[in-house]
Amino acid sequence: MVEDRIGHLTRFSEHQDKGIAELNGPDESVLKQRKKLQEMARGYRQSQILLTCVELGVFDVLAGRSASAVEVANAIQADPRAVELLLNAAVALGVLEKNEAQFSNQMLTENLLTRNGDGSMRRSLLFELAGYRRWGNLAGAVRTGQRPEENRRDEQPEGWVKPFVQALYDMSRPIAPVIADVLVLPEDRSLHVLDVGGGHGGYSIALARRYPLLTATVFELPRVVPVAREIIAQAGLAERISVQEGDFHLEELGRGFDVALVFGVLNGEPLEGRPALIRKVFSALKPGGQIVLRDFVLDPDRTGPPEAAIFALQMLLATEAGGLDTHDDWAKWLVSAGFTPPQTIDLPPWIGSTLTISWKPMA
């Protein structure tokens, strides 16, 4: 009997402890993890608020002034009630301010998100709208291992190339001068730079401004050439930076270059095409010339850094067989092509990448 009473009391105590735990709720670490996962799953909401404001021209309407939701709605030809909901959400995200019923841009918003802001990101954020649509096809791409047909069609319209190249140029503008300073080149002699797949020419522009004796050739596909020439002309450097039309899959890159930039190009190539391009660059350089690679680079286990691992999926969505590599991959391909073992130059953390440099040995 005594044993039965003890067993009963033990079971009652265990039941009571369980009840108290349930009243107190789940473990705090579990709650934090749940919240983190929920925020991750809902991240698209914040991006859509920002991108919708850019797409509809909200920040441009508020440039240099305050306005009510009705005034903004009239300016962008949208529903006043819906606009007010959007503006309130933008205030919650910290990109707008609200005083009584008047809305205005934050100081950084005025500079970064309006059409005429000094550091305007508007064109690059409009480009992210296409990215948003593409990422909606991720499950299908993972199932098939192929670039989704919808994403391929996105790049077919005639007017697609110019805004894409301009968006990439806007992204490069704060970064290119930093790279021009970090990349130490001779200042006492003329240099000829090859900018492989250089698109907008923004990095050649920054180098030409940094080194007065430097000239550059941007090697690009035919449909990109007019946009690149327009950007370079607007920078006042058309006499020092030329744009050569060509396809490096089919043609050689030329000869006699001192420096070759290969920025954001390897990631669009199939695996076998990446060392092949490095070999072509080797042939294009003078003895003693250097190749400079810049891209997202994966850790040895390919699970990080996070931005690189995520960008590798971007390549699945945007290219036929592109992808990212590790530093060891690059070192192997460079040495195999005849370059010296590479060196890595760190860039400021906000840029999110490094420079990998290797030299063509002297004869």
Protein backbone atom coordinates (compact mmCIF):
# COMPACT_ATOMS: atom_id res chain seq x y z
CA MET A 1 0.00 0.00 0.00
CA VAL A 2 2.79 2.39 0.94
CA GLU A 3 4.51 1.70 -2.40
CA ASP A 4 1.23 2.39 -4.26
CA ARG A 5 0.78 5.72 -2.47
CA ILE A 6 4.39 6.70 -3.24
CA GLY A 7 3.92 5.77 -6.91
CA HIS A 8 0.68 7.77 -7.03
CA LEU A 9 2.34 10.83 -5.49
CA THR A 10 5.26 10.52 -7.94
CA ARG A 11 2.95 10.38 -10.96
CA PHE A 12 0.97 13.34 -9.57
CA SER A 13 4.17 15.36 -9.15
CA GLU A 14 5.31 14.56 -12.70
CA HIS A 15 1.91 15.53 -14.07
CA GLN A 16 2.03 18.78 -12.11
CA ASP A 17 5.52 19.61 -13.41
CA LYS A 18 4.35 18.97 -16.98
CA GLY A 19 1.37 21.24 -16.45
CA ILE A 20 3.58 24.03 -15.12
CA ALA A 21 5.92 23.69 -18.14
CA GLU A 22 2.96 23.94 -20.49
CA LEU A 23 1.71 27.03 -18.67
CA ASN A 24 5.14 28.60 -18.94
CA GLY A 25 5.17 27.85 -22.67
CA PRO A 26 7.87 26.26 -24.85
CA ASP A 27 11.57 26.70 -24.19
CA GLU A 28 12.70 30.28 -24.89
CA SER A 29 15.36 29.15 -27.37
CA VAL A 30 12.68 27.32 -29.35
CA LEU A 31 10.52 30.45 -29.42
CA LYS A 32 13.44 32.51 -30.68
CA GLN A 33 14.13 29.97 -33.40
CA ARG A 34 10.46 29.95 -34.40
CA LYS A 35 10.49 33.73 -34.63
CA LYS A 36 13.69 33.68 -36.71
CA LEU A 37 12.20 31.17 -39.14
CA GLN A 38 8.96 33.15 -39.37
CA GLU A 39 10.87 36.35 -40.14
CA MET A 40 12.91 34.49 -42.74
CA ALA A 41 9.75 33.15 -44.40
CA ARG A 42 8.12 36.58 -44.41
CA GLY A 43 11.14 38.53 -45.62
CA TYR A 44 9.45 38.99 -49.01
CA ARG A 45 6.92 41.33 -47.40
CA GLN A 46 9.50 43.98 -46.55
CA SER A 47 11.19 43.67 -49.94
CA GLN A 48 7.86 44.09 -51.72
CA ILE A 49 6.99 47.21 -49.74
CA LEU A 50 10.33 48.80 -50.70
CA LEU A 51 10.27 47.64 -54.32
CA THR A 52 6.64 48.68 -54.82
CA CYS A 53 7.44 52.18 -53.57
CA VAL A 54 10.30 52.34 -56.08
CA GLU A 55 8.24 50.89 -58.93
CA LEU A 56 5.32 53.29 -58.37
CA GLY A 57 7.60 56.31 -57.97
CA VAL A 58 6.60 57.11 -54.38
CA PHE A 59 10.04 58.37 -53.37
CA ASP A 60 10.29 60.60 -56.44
CA VAL A 61 6.88 62.16 -55.67
CA LEU A 62 8.14 62.97 -52.17
CA ALA A 63 11.55 64.25 -53.32
CA GLY A 64 12.22 67.54 -51.56
CA ARG A 65 8.72 67.89 -50.08
CA SER A 66 5.98 66.47 -47.89
CA ALA A 67 2.63 65.26 -49.17
CA SER A 68 -0.52 63.56 -47.98
CA ALA A 69 -1.49 60.05 -49.03
CA VAL A 70 -4.16 61.52 -51.31
CA GLU A 71 -1.61 63.77 -53.03
CA VAL A 72 0.79 60.86 -53.52
CA ALA A 73 -2.07 58.70 -54.83
CA ASN A 74 -3.05 61.36 -57.35
CA ALA A 75 0.54 61.74 -58.51
CA ILE A 76 1.06 58.01 -59.11
CA GLN A 77 -2.54 57.39 -60.23
CA ALA A 78 -3.34 54.84 -57.55
CA ASP A 79 -6.03 54.18 -54.93
CA PRO A 80 -5.76 56.63 -51.97
CA ARG A 81 -6.64 54.09 -49.28
CA ALA A 82 -4.16 51.53 -50.60
CA VAL A 83 -1.47 54.20 -50.97
CA GLU A 84 -1.93 55.27 -47.36
CA LEU A 85 -1.47 51.66 -46.23
CA LEU A 86 1.71 51.43 -48.32
CA LEU A 87 3.09 54.71 -46.99
CA ASN A 88 2.38 53.75 -43.38
CA ALA A 89 4.21 50.46 -43.91
CA ALA A 90 7.15 52.34 -45.46
CA VAL A 91 7.26 54.53 -42.35
CA ALA A 92 7.32 51.37 -40.24
CA LEU A 93 10.32 50.16 -42.26
CA GLY A 94 12.12 53.46 -41.70
CA VAL A 95 12.32 54.69 -45.29
CA LEU A 96 9.63 57.38 -44.90
CA GLU A 97 8.67 59.81 -42.13
CA LYS A 98 5.16 60.83 -41.10
CA ASN A 99 4.14 64.08 -39.41
CA GLU A 100 0.40 64.31 -38.79
CA ALA A 101 -1.00 63.29 -42.19
CA GLN A 102 2.06 64.37 -44.19
CA PHE A 103 4.65 61.92 -45.51
CA SER A 104 8.24 62.69 -46.51
CA ASN A 105 11.44 60.88 -47.40
CA GLN A 106 14.07 60.03 -44.84
CA MET A 107 17.38 61.79 -45.56
CA LEU A 108 19.02 58.61 -46.84
CA THR A 109 15.92 57.78 -48.87
CA GLU A 110 16.18 61.13 -50.61
CA ASN A 111 19.75 60.36 -51.62
CA LEU A 112 19.51 56.64 -52.39
CA LEU A 113 15.99 55.97 -53.62
CA THR A 114 15.00 58.95 -55.74
CA ARG A 115 15.69 59.26 -59.44
CA ASN A 116 18.09 62.20 -59.08
CA GLY A 117 19.74 61.31 -55.77
CA ASP A 118 23.54 61.47 -55.75
CA GLY A 119 23.83 57.81 -54.76
CA SER A 120 20.62 56.64 -56.40
CA MET A 121 19.95 52.90 -56.22
CA ARG A 122 16.65 53.26 -58.04
CA ARG A 123 17.67 51.48 -61.25
CA SER A 124 19.33 48.62 -59.42
CA LEU A 125 16.25 48.15 -57.23
CA LEU A 126 14.00 48.13 -60.28
CA PHE A 127 16.22 45.31 -61.50
CA GLU A 128 15.47 43.45 -58.26
CA LEU A 129 11.81 43.33 -59.30
CA ALA A 130 12.81 40.92 -62.05
CA GLY A 131 14.84 38.99 -59.51
CA TYR A 132 11.79 38.71 -57.27
CA ARG A 133 9.82 37.08 -60.08
CA ARG A 134 12.68 34.73 -60.91
CA TRP A 135 13.09 33.52 -57.36
CA GLY A 136 9.44 32.49 -57.38
CA ASN A 137 10.51 29.73 -59.79
CA LEU A 138 13.16 28.27 -57.48
CA ALA A 139 11.28 25.06 -56.64
CA GLY A 140 10.90 24.23 -60.33
CA ALA A 141 14.56 24.95 -61.01
CA VAL A 142 15.62 22.65 -58.18
CA ARG A 143 13.33 19.87 -59.45
CA THR A 144 14.68 20.01 -62.98
CA GLY A 145 18.20 21.34 -62.44
CA GLN A 146 17.50 23.73 -65.31
CA ARG A 147 17.04 27.45 -65.69
CA PRO A 148 13.25 28.04 -65.70
CA GLU A 149 11.78 28.87 -69.10
CA GLU A 150 9.95 31.86 -67.59
CA ASN A 151 13.27 33.33 -66.47
CA ARG A 152 14.77 32.85 -69.91
CA ARG A 153 11.84 34.68 -71.50
CA ASP A 154 12.42 37.59 -69.10
CA GLU A 155 15.64 38.38 -70.98
CA GLN A 156 14.21 38.19 -74.49
CA PRO A 157 12.46 41.59 -74.85
CA GLU A 158 14.38 44.12 -76.94
CA GLY A 159 14.52 46.73 -74.17
CA TRP A 160 15.79 44.39 -71.46
CA VAL A 161 19.54 44.86 -71.89
CA LYS A 162 19.89 48.60 -71.29
CA PRO A 163 18.17 48.78 -67.87
CA PHE A 164 20.01 45.63 -66.81
CA VAL A 165 23.43 47.07 -67.66
CA GLN A 166 22.52 50.44 -66.10
CA ALA A 167 21.43 48.67 -62.91
CA LEU A 168 24.76 46.84 -62.73
CA TYR A 169 26.55 50.14 -63.29
CA ASP A 170 24.68 51.75 -60.41
CA MET A 171 25.68 48.83 -58.19
CA SER A 172 29.34 49.27 -59.17
CA ARG A 173 29.57 53.02 -58.64
CA PRO A 174 30.41 53.00 -54.89
CA ILE A 175 32.60 49.91 -55.24
CA ALA A 176 34.73 50.66 -58.30
CA PRO A 177 36.73 53.60 -56.82
CA VAL A 178 37.61 51.46 -53.79
CA ILE A 179 38.91 48.70 -56.04
CA ALA A 180 40.87 51.23 -58.09
CA ASP A 181 42.61 52.37 -54.89
CA VAL A 182 43.24 48.87 -53.56
CA LEU A 183 44.58 47.55 -56.86
CA VAL A 184 48.07 49.08 -56.82
CA LEU A 185 49.37 49.60 -60.37
CA PRO A 186 52.40 51.46 -61.77
CA GLU A 187 51.73 55.18 -62.10
CA ASP A 188 54.82 56.13 -64.10
CA ARG A 189 54.05 54.32 -67.34
CA SER A 190 51.20 53.63 -69.71
CA LEU A 191 49.02 50.60 -68.98
CA HIS A 192 46.48 48.84 -71.15
CA VAL A 193 43.66 47.10 -69.32
CA LEU A 194 41.39 44.39 -70.71
CA ASP A 195 37.96 44.41 -69.03
CA VAL A 196 36.54 40.98 -69.94
CA GLY A 197 32.75 41.03 -70.05
CA GLY A 198 33.02 44.46 -68.46
CA GLY A 199 29.44 45.41 -69.37
CA HIS A 200 28.98 49.00 -68.22
CA GLY A 201 32.73 49.69 -68.02
CA GLY A 202 32.40 51.08 -64.51
CA TYR A 203 35.59 49.46 -63.22
CA SER A 204 37.59 50.65 -66.23
CA ILE A 205 36.19 54.14 -65.63
CA ALA A 206 37.37 54.09 -62.01
CA LEU A 207 40.83 52.84 -62.99
CA ALA A 208 41.17 55.47 -65.73
CA ARG A 209 40.31 58.20 -63.24
CA ARG A 210 42.80 56.81 -60.72
CA TYR A 211 45.65 56.28 -63.25
CA PRO A 212 46.02 59.07 -65.84
CA LEU A 213 48.29 56.99 -68.12
CA LEU A 214 45.91 54.03 -68.23
CA THR A 215 43.75 53.04 -71.20
CA ALA A 216 41.22 50.21 -71.27
CA THR A 217 39.33 47.96 -73.65
CA VAL A 218 35.96 46.60 -72.57
CA PHE A 219 35.28 43.30 -74.34
CA GLU A 220 31.53 42.69 -74.60
CA LEU A 221 28.71 41.08 -76.54
CA PRO A 222 27.18 43.10 -79.41
CA ARG A 223 23.92 43.98 -77.66
CA VAL A 224 25.77 45.42 -74.65
CA VAL A 225 28.23 47.54 -76.65
CA PRO A 226 25.98 50.59 -77.30
CA VAL A 227 25.03 50.85 -73.61
CA ALA A 228 28.66 50.58 -72.49
CA ARG A 229 29.75 53.25 -74.96
CA GLU A 230 27.00 55.58 -73.75
CA ILE A 231 28.02 55.19 -70.09
CA ILE A 232 31.71 55.68 -70.90
CA ALA A 233 30.96 58.77 -73.01
CA GLN A 234 28.88 60.25 -70.19
CA ALA A 235 31.89 59.75 -67.92
CA GLY A 236 34.00 61.76 -70.39
CA LEU A 237 36.42 58.89 -71.02
CA ALA A 238 35.57 57.74 -74.55
CA GLU A 239 39.08 58.67 -75.75
CA ARG A 240 40.75 56.39 -73.20
CA ILE A 241 38.26 53.53 -72.90
CA SER A 242 37.17 51.64 -76.00
CA VAL A 243 34.51 48.95 -76.28
CA GLN A 244 35.35 45.94 -78.42
CA GLU A 245 32.49 43.85 -79.74
CA GLY A 246 33.05 40.13 -79.42
CA ASP A 247 32.14 36.77 -77.89
CA PHE A 248 34.93 35.20 -75.85
CA HIS A 249 33.38 31.77 -76.37
CA LEU A 250 34.21 32.04 -80.06
CA GLU A 251 36.99 34.62 -80.35
CA GLU A 252 40.34 35.49 -78.85
CA LEU A 253 40.59 38.51 -76.54
CA GLY A 254 43.50 40.23 -78.23
CA ARG A 255 47.12 40.56 -77.18
CA GLY A 256 49.52 42.80 -75.30
CA PHE A 257 47.49 43.77 -72.21
CA ASP A 258 49.09 44.66 -68.89
CA VAL A 259 46.08 43.91 -66.70
CA ALA A 260 42.95 41.85 -67.24
CA LEU A 261 39.84 42.30 -65.11
CA VAL A 262 37.51 39.30 -64.88
CA PHE A 263 34.75 40.60 -62.62
CA GLY A 264 31.48 38.72 -62.22
CA VAL A 265 32.04 36.74 -65.41
CA LEU A 266 33.15 33.28 -64.33
CA ASN A 267 29.89 32.74 -62.44
CA GLY A 268 27.91 32.76 -65.68
CA GLU A 269 30.04 30.11 -67.37
CA PRO A 270 29.61 26.34 -67.25
CA LEU A 271 32.20 24.53 -65.15
CA GLU A 272 34.47 23.67 -68.08
CA GLY A 273 34.20 27.22 -69.45
CA ARG A 274 35.75 28.89 -66.41
CA PRO A 275 39.29 27.50 -66.73
CA ALA A 276 38.96 27.91 -70.51
CA LEU A 277 38.38 31.65 -70.09
CA ILE A 278 41.33 31.92 -67.71
CA ARG A 279 43.53 30.32 -70.38
CA LYS A 280 42.34 32.88 -72.95
CA VAL A 281 43.19 35.70 -70.57
CA PHE A 282 46.67 34.25 -70.10
CA SER A 283 47.22 34.45 -73.87
CA ALA A 284 45.99 38.05 -73.96
CA LEU A 285 48.44 39.31 -71.32
CA LYS A 286 52.01 40.45 -71.77
CA PRO A 287 54.69 38.58 -69.82
CA GLY A 288 54.50 40.07 -66.34
CA GLY A 289 50.86 41.02 -66.83
CA GLN A 290 48.30 40.28 -64.16
CA ILE A 291 44.82 38.83 -64.03
CA VAL A 292 42.39 40.14 -61.39
CA LEU A 293 39.39 37.99 -60.49
CA ARG A 294 36.42 39.21 -58.50
CA ASP A 295 33.26 37.29 -57.74
CA PHE A 296 31.46 35.67 -54.88
CA VAL A 297 33.66 32.78 -53.75
CA LEU A 298 32.45 29.78 -51.75
CA ASP A 299 34.05 28.31 -48.65
CA PRO A 300 35.63 24.86 -49.14
CA ASP A 301 32.42 23.08 -48.04
CA ARG A 302 30.36 25.38 -50.32
CA THR A 303 27.85 26.29 -47.57
CA GLY A 304 29.08 29.83 -47.06
CA PRO A 305 29.61 32.68 -46.85
CA PRO A 306 25.80 33.04 -46.80
CA GLU A 307 25.67 35.66 -49.55
CA ALA A 308 27.76 33.45 -51.84
CA ALA A 309 25.72 30.30 -51.15
CA ILE A 310 22.54 32.24 -51.93
CA PHE A 311 24.05 33.76 -55.07
CA ALA A 312 24.90 30.26 -56.31
CA LEU A 313 21.15 29.64 -56.46
CA GLN A 314 20.78 32.93 -58.35
CA MET A 315 23.02 31.44 -61.02
CA LEU A 316 20.76 28.39 -61.23
CA LEU A 317 17.83 30.73 -61.87
CA ALA A 318 19.60 33.11 -64.27
CA THR A 319 22.07 31.05 -66.32
CA GLU A 320 22.15 27.80 -68.24
CA ALA A 321 24.99 26.21 -66.28
CA GLY A 322 26.69 28.95 -64.25
CA GLY A 323 27.85 28.62 -60.66
CA LEU A 324 30.36 29.67 -58.05
CA ASP A 325 33.77 28.27 -57.15
CA THR A 326 36.14 28.08 -54.21
CA HIS A 327 39.52 29.80 -53.93
CA ASP A 328 41.12 26.39 -54.38
CA ASP A 329 39.30 25.95 -57.69
CA TRP A 330 40.61 29.30 -58.90
CA ALA A 331 44.16 28.57 -57.72
CA LYS A 332 44.17 25.24 -59.56
CA TRP A 333 42.90 26.78 -62.82
CA LEU A 334 45.26 29.76 -62.65
CA VAL A 335 48.37 27.66 -62.05
CA SER A 336 47.30 25.16 -64.71
CA ALA A 337 46.98 28.02 -67.22
CA GLY A 338 50.53 29.15 -66.43
CA PHE A 339 49.90 31.91 -63.89
CA THR A 340 51.74 32.23 -60.59
CA PRO A 341 50.04 30.98 -57.40
CA PRO A 342 47.38 33.64 -56.66
CA GLN A 343 47.25 36.22 -53.92
CA THR A 344 44.09 37.50 -52.27
CA ILE A 345 43.44 41.14 -51.44
CA ASP A 346 40.72 41.87 -48.93
CA LEU A 347 38.14 44.54 -49.68
CA PRO A 348 36.04 46.40 -47.09
CA PRO A 349 33.42 44.08 -45.54
CA TRP A 350 30.50 46.09 -46.98
CA ILE A 351 31.60 45.11 -50.49
CA GLY A 352 31.28 41.43 -49.69
CA SER A 353 34.07 40.00 -51.86
CA THR A 354 37.84 39.91 -52.38
CA LEU A 355 40.25 40.35 -55.27
CA THR A 356 42.31 37.38 -56.44
CA ILE A 357 45.45 38.36 -58.36
CA SER A 358 47.92 36.24 -60.31
CA TRP A 359 50.75 37.11 -62.71
CA LYS A 360 51.89 35.76 -66.05
CA PRO A 361 55.58 34.94 -65.56
CA MET A 362 58.18 36.92 -67.45
CA ALA A 363 59.52 35.15 -70.52
